[in-house]
Amino acid sequence: MFAVMKTGGKQYKVQAGDVLRVEKLAADAGETVQFNEILMVGATVGTPTVAGAGVQAEIIDQIKGEKVIHFVKRRRKHSSKRTKGHRQQLTLLRVTDILEKGADKSGVKAAIGAGSVSGGAVHAAAPAKKAAPKKAAKAEAPAAAAADDLTAITGVGPAAAKKLAEAGITTFAQLAAVDVDSFEAVKVKPEWVEQAKTLA
């Protein structure tokens, strides 16, 4: 039995065991997902979709497509051209089962396109075991929120602020307490310490 399903704005005619490359889905390798937009199953044609039908598939891998070169040459403008490369994000999957009825009660996670989903919806659809590290990250967030913006000091750019943060200096008070001669993790200038004392 075959089915015609729709995902990523494209339609695919599939049978059990087929391997497909589709637009990137919000799922990890090894997960089973279910496509619910089924336009046709066997001899049953949907209007526009077949109610209760579904196609289940196992995610094999998240891959990239072939590189496409986009070259623009402008005819009358001398030395005006542009070359861009692009590799489309794809999901490689194997069709495991085609359901004519009862797909809505199967309990399998729905296949959702990665580009059409916000990060929060992806995490909400993820299993509960991944929720624990997220809570730990939220618990650490208030500590990180207490950090000062070190780039307010003249001469400290984003790169220097990152190096200072890696060395454990995230506030003006910590920077003001630094001994310029003995601190070796980052080259700290004396004027940074003076400005930090003023801002602290």
Protein backbone atom coordinates (compact mmCIF):
# COMPACT_ATOMS: atom_id res chain seq x y z
CA MET A 1 0.00 0.00 0.00
CA PHE A 2 1.22 3.52 -0.77
CA ALA A 3 0.37 6.99 0.51
CA VAL A 4 0.91 10.54 -0.70
CA MET A 5 2.01 12.79 2.15
CA LYS A 6 2.87 16.47 2.36
CA THR A 7 5.78 17.96 4.31
CA GLY A 8 7.94 21.05 3.85
CA GLY A 9 5.71 22.33 1.04
CA LYS A 10 6.36 19.21 -1.06
CA GLN A 11 4.43 16.00 -1.71
CA TYR A 12 5.95 12.51 -1.55
CA LYS A 13 4.56 9.16 -2.69
CA VAL A 14 5.79 6.65 -0.09
CA GLN A 15 5.62 2.97 0.81
CA ALA A 16 6.81 1.17 3.93
CA GLY A 17 10.63 0.86 3.83
CA ASP A 18 11.24 3.92 1.60
CA VAL A 19 14.13 6.23 2.52
CA LEU A 20 13.42 9.93 1.96
CA ARG A 21 15.26 13.25 2.18
CA VAL A 22 12.78 15.89 3.35
CA GLU A 23 13.02 19.48 4.60
CA LYS A 24 14.58 19.60 8.07
CA LEU A 25 12.35 18.33 10.89
CA ALA A 26 12.58 19.20 14.58
CA ALA A 27 13.60 15.68 15.70
CA ASP A 28 16.78 13.80 16.61
CA ALA A 29 18.23 10.69 14.97
CA GLY A 30 16.51 7.51 16.19
CA GLU A 31 13.19 9.20 16.98
CA THR A 32 9.91 8.09 15.40
CA VAL A 33 7.68 10.81 13.98
CA GLN A 34 4.29 10.79 12.29
CA PHE A 35 3.15 12.79 9.27
CA ASN A 36 -0.54 13.69 9.54
CA GLU A 37 -1.03 15.61 6.26
CA ILE A 38 -1.92 12.60 4.09
CA LEU A 39 -3.46 13.47 0.73
CA MET A 40 -4.06 9.90 -0.44
CA VAL A 41 -3.88 6.37 1.01
CA GLY A 42 -4.26 3.48 -1.43
CA ALA A 43 -7.50 4.20 -3.32
CA THR A 44 -8.79 6.74 -0.77
CA VAL A 45 -8.34 10.33 -1.92
CA GLY A 46 -8.55 13.10 0.69
CA THR A 47 -10.55 16.31 0.50
CA PRO A 48 -7.92 17.78 0.91
CA THR A 49 -6.51 15.28 3.47
CA VAL A 50 -7.59 11.82 4.58
CA ALA A 51 -9.03 12.00 8.11
CA GLY A 52 -7.32 9.67 10.61
CA ALA A 53 -4.54 8.62 8.21
CA GLY A 54 -0.86 8.93 8.98
CA VAL A 55 2.63 7.91 7.90
CA GLN A 56 5.13 6.94 10.59
CA ALA A 57 8.86 7.23 9.93
CA GLU A 58 12.12 6.78 11.83
CA ILE A 59 14.67 9.61 11.66
CA ILE A 60 18.01 8.28 10.36
CA ASP A 61 20.05 11.50 10.41
CA GLN A 62 20.07 15.29 9.98
CA ILE A 63 22.09 16.03 6.81
CA LYS A 64 22.91 18.80 4.35
CA GLY A 65 22.09 18.69 0.64
CA GLU A 66 24.48 19.25 -2.25
CA LYS A 67 26.09 22.68 -2.48
CA VAL A 68 24.27 24.99 -4.89
CA ILE A 69 26.30 27.86 -6.38
CA HIS A 70 24.33 31.03 -7.03
CA PHE A 71 26.31 33.29 -9.38
CA VAL A 72 25.07 36.74 -10.41
CA LYS A 73 26.85 38.55 -13.25
CA ARG A 74 25.74 42.07 -14.07
CA ARG A 75 26.27 42.73 -17.75
CA ARG A 76 27.17 46.40 -18.09
CA LYS A 77 28.79 47.02 -14.71
CA HIS A 78 32.48 46.26 -14.74
CA SER A 79 33.73 43.81 -12.10
CA SER A 80 30.31 43.57 -10.46
CA LYS A 81 29.41 40.00 -9.67
CA ARG A 82 28.39 37.88 -6.71
CA THR A 83 28.91 34.22 -5.83
CA LYS A 84 27.02 32.55 -3.00
CA GLY A 85 27.03 28.91 -1.93
CA HIS A 86 24.12 27.23 -0.15
CA ARG A 87 23.56 23.78 1.36
CA GLN A 88 19.97 23.00 2.31
CA GLN A 89 19.31 21.46 5.75
CA LEU A 90 17.58 18.09 5.25
CA THR A 91 16.34 15.17 7.33
CA LEU A 92 16.99 11.59 6.20
CA LEU A 93 14.20 9.23 7.28
CA ARG A 94 12.87 5.72 6.69
CA VAL A 95 9.10 5.13 6.37
CA THR A 96 8.11 2.40 8.84
CA ASP A 97 4.31 2.26 8.71
CA ILE A 98 1.31 3.64 6.79
CA LEU A 99 -1.91 3.97 8.82
CA GLU A 100 -5.26 4.26 7.05
CA LYS A 101 -7.13 4.87 10.32
CA GLY A 102 -6.39 5.70 13.93
CA ALA A 103 -3.26 7.80 13.37
CA ASP A 104 -4.62 10.50 15.69
CA LYS A 105 -4.67 7.98 18.60
CA SER A 106 -1.25 6.41 17.94
CA GLY A 107 0.60 8.61 20.45
CA VAL A 108 3.59 9.13 18.12
CA LYS A 109 5.14 12.62 18.01
CA ALA A 110 3.95 14.71 15.05
CA ALA A 111 6.58 15.67 12.45
CA ILE A 112 7.18 19.42 12.72
CA GLY A 113 9.39 21.42 10.37
CA ALA A 114 12.40 22.93 12.15
CA GLY A 115 12.08 26.28 10.37
CA SER A 116 8.43 26.83 11.26
CA VAL A 117 8.84 26.17 14.99
CA SER A 118 10.12 28.42 17.74
CA GLY A 119 12.77 27.06 20.09
CA GLY A 120 10.28 26.85 22.98
CA ALA A 121 7.87 24.68 20.99
CA VAL A 122 10.68 22.28 20.07
CA HIS A 123 11.66 21.89 23.73
CA ALA A 124 8.02 21.45 24.71
CA ALA A 125 7.67 18.64 22.18
CA ALA A 126 10.91 16.99 23.39
CA PRO A 127 10.80 14.14 25.94
CA ALA A 128 10.68 14.98 29.67
CA LYS A 129 14.24 13.73 30.31
CA LYS A 130 15.61 16.77 28.44
CA ALA A 131 13.61 19.16 30.66
CA ALA A 132 15.89 18.62 33.72
CA PRO A 133 19.02 20.31 32.24
CA LYS A 134 16.83 23.23 31.12
CA LYS A 135 15.72 23.81 34.72
CA ALA A 136 19.35 23.76 35.87
CA ALA A 137 20.19 26.40 33.26
CA LYS A 138 17.29 28.57 34.51
CA ALA A 139 18.59 28.25 38.07
CA GLU A 140 22.00 29.56 36.94
CA ALA A 141 20.45 32.46 34.99
CA PRO A 142 19.96 34.80 38.02
CA ALA A 143 23.65 34.47 38.91
CA ALA A 144 24.63 35.41 35.34
CA ALA A 145 22.14 38.30 35.37
CA ALA A 146 24.13 39.98 38.20
CA ALA A 147 27.12 40.49 35.86
CA ASP A 148 28.00 44.04 34.78
CA ASP A 149 28.48 45.15 31.17
CA LEU A 150 32.27 45.40 31.05
CA THR A 151 32.16 46.88 27.54
CA ALA A 152 31.07 50.17 29.18
CA ILE A 153 34.76 50.65 30.06
CA THR A 154 36.70 52.50 27.37
CA GLY A 155 38.95 50.07 25.50
CA VAL A 156 37.11 46.89 26.56
CA GLY A 157 35.40 45.39 23.54
CA PRO A 158 33.29 42.22 23.27
CA ALA A 159 36.36 40.00 22.80
CA ALA A 160 38.14 41.41 25.88
CA ALA A 161 34.91 41.16 27.92
CA LYS A 162 34.61 37.50 26.91
CA LYS A 163 38.20 36.78 27.96
CA LEU A 164 37.61 38.53 31.29
CA ALA A 165 34.44 36.49 31.85
CA GLU A 166 36.39 33.27 31.12
CA ALA A 167 38.93 34.39 33.74
CA GLY A 168 36.09 34.84 36.27
CA ILE A 169 35.76 38.64 36.14
CA THR A 170 32.16 39.64 35.39
CA THR A 171 31.57 42.74 37.55
CA PHE A 172 33.16 46.19 37.89
CA ALA A 173 34.05 45.43 41.53
CA GLN A 174 35.99 42.29 40.51
CA LEU A 175 37.87 44.23 37.83
CA ALA A 176 38.63 47.06 40.27
CA ALA A 177 40.25 44.53 42.66
CA VAL A 178 42.57 43.10 39.98
CA ASP A 179 46.33 43.60 40.42
CA VAL A 180 47.52 44.59 36.93
CA ASP A 181 51.06 43.22 37.39
CA SER A 182 50.18 39.77 38.77
CA PHE A 183 47.01 39.03 36.73
CA GLU A 184 48.11 36.86 33.76
CA ALA A 185 44.86 35.42 32.35
CA VAL A 186 44.12 38.61 30.36
CA LYS A 187 46.27 41.67 29.74
CA VAL A 188 44.47 44.23 31.91
CA LYS A 189 45.31 47.91 31.42
CA PRO A 190 45.62 50.20 34.48
CA GLU A 191 43.01 52.61 33.07
CA TRP A 192 40.46 49.74 32.95
CA VAL A 193 40.94 49.20 36.68
CA GLU A 194 40.53 52.93 37.40
CA GLN A 195 37.32 53.15 35.36
CA ALA A 196 36.01 49.98 37.04
CA LYS A 197 36.59 51.57 40.47
CA THR A 198 34.58 54.60 39.38
CA LEU A 199 31.74 52.51 37.94
CA ALA A 200 31.66 50.12 40.91
